[in-house]
Amino acid sequence: MTKADIIENIYEKLGLSKKESAELVEMVFDIMKDTLENGEKIKIAGFGNFVVKEKANRRGRNPQTGEEIVISARKILTFKPSQVLKASINTQ
């Protein structure tokens, strides 16, 4: 599913105009993005949690040359589905 599909579904189910539906989706995504950029967790009941985690430096290996390299520290985004979502997916 793409962002355009989400906009189309909102347009069909809520009766908003396509422009209003697009603005609504963009607004929700902007809020989520800003929240995650600030290091905060997003918890959506019945859906799951989005969390930004810190990964430390670690040693790795270049697969082409075999040379050891340092993989730099970075932030990653994780998603953990709720039990409700897991159950819903597994009953279909």
Protein backbone atom coordinates (compact mmCIF):
# COMPACT_ATOMS: atom_id res chain seq x y z
CA MET A 1 0.00 0.00 0.00
CA THR A 2 1.29 3.43 -0.91
CA LYS A 3 0.53 6.89 0.45
CA ALA A 4 -1.71 7.44 -2.58
CA ASP A 5 -3.67 4.28 -1.66
CA ILE A 6 -4.15 5.57 1.90
CA ILE A 7 -5.39 8.91 0.55
CA GLU A 8 -7.79 7.11 -1.80
CA ASN A 9 -9.17 4.97 1.05
CA ILE A 10 -9.77 8.03 3.23
CA TYR A 11 -11.42 9.78 0.29
CA GLU A 12 -13.78 6.84 -0.27
CA LYS A 13 -14.59 6.06 3.38
CA LEU A 14 -14.90 9.55 4.87
CA GLY A 15 -16.22 11.47 1.90
CA LEU A 16 -13.56 14.16 2.18
CA SER A 17 -12.20 15.67 -1.01
CA LYS A 18 -9.00 14.18 -2.37
CA LYS A 19 -7.16 17.38 -1.45
CA GLU A 20 -8.47 17.25 2.13
CA SER A 21 -7.62 13.55 2.36
CA ALA A 22 -4.07 14.22 1.14
CA GLU A 23 -3.64 17.08 3.62
CA LEU A 24 -4.89 14.87 6.47
CA VAL A 25 -2.46 12.06 5.60
CA GLU A 26 0.45 14.50 5.23
CA MET A 27 -0.42 16.10 8.58
CA VAL A 28 -0.46 12.72 10.37
CA PHE A 29 2.84 11.67 8.80
CA ASP A 30 4.44 15.04 9.65
CA ILE A 31 3.36 14.70 13.29
CA MET A 32 4.74 11.15 13.44
CA LYS A 33 8.01 12.19 11.79
CA ASP A 34 8.50 15.16 14.14
CA THR A 35 7.75 13.00 17.18
CA LEU A 36 10.28 10.35 16.14
CA GLU A 37 12.92 12.98 15.26
CA ASN A 38 12.59 14.29 18.82
CA GLY A 39 13.37 10.82 20.13
CA GLU A 40 9.87 10.20 21.42
CA LYS A 41 7.99 6.91 21.10
CA ILE A 42 4.73 6.57 19.17
CA LYS A 43 2.25 4.13 20.69
CA ILE A 44 -0.94 3.45 18.75
CA ALA A 45 -3.37 1.27 20.70
CA GLY A 46 -4.41 -1.81 18.75
CA PHE A 47 -1.68 -1.23 16.16
CA GLY A 48 1.81 -1.07 17.69
CA ASN A 49 4.81 0.99 18.78
CA PHE A 50 7.35 2.97 16.76
CA VAL A 51 10.61 3.56 18.63
CA VAL A 52 13.92 5.19 17.63
CA LYS A 53 16.86 3.21 19.03
CA GLU A 54 20.56 4.05 19.17
CA LYS A 55 23.06 1.61 17.70
CA ALA A 56 26.66 1.87 18.89
CA ASN A 57 29.81 1.66 16.75
CA ARG A 58 30.65 -1.90 15.81
CA ARG A 59 33.23 -3.80 13.86
CA GLY A 60 32.29 -5.23 10.52
CA ARG A 61 33.97 -6.66 7.48
CA ASN A 62 33.95 -5.58 3.86
CA PRO A 63 32.65 -8.69 2.08
CA GLN A 64 34.57 -7.93 -1.12
CA THR A 65 38.01 -7.34 0.40
CA GLY A 66 37.71 -9.01 3.80
CA GLU A 67 39.07 -5.81 5.36
CA GLU A 68 37.80 -4.96 8.85
CA ILE A 69 35.90 -1.68 9.05
CA VAL A 70 34.08 0.27 11.75
CA ILE A 71 30.37 0.66 11.21
CA SER A 72 29.46 4.03 12.68
CA ALA A 73 26.87 4.65 15.37
CA ARG A 74 23.43 5.50 14.10
CA LYS A 75 19.76 5.65 14.98
CA ILE A 76 17.30 3.09 13.71
CA LEU A 77 13.51 3.01 13.67
CA THR A 78 11.81 -0.11 14.97
CA PHE A 79 8.18 -1.17 14.91
CA LYS A 80 6.67 -3.68 17.28
CA PRO A 81 3.11 -4.74 16.44
CA SER A 82 0.50 -4.96 19.19
CA GLN A 83 -0.98 -8.28 20.26
CA VAL A 84 -4.28 -7.19 18.68
CA LEU A 85 -2.62 -6.63 15.29
CA LYS A 86 -0.69 -9.92 15.54
CA ALA A 87 -3.89 -11.79 16.34
CA SER A 88 -5.74 -10.10 13.49
CA ILE A 89 -3.02 -11.00 10.97
CA ASN A 90 -2.82 -14.61 12.16
CA THR A 91 -6.57 -15.31 12.00
CA GLN A 92 -6.93 -14.55 8.30
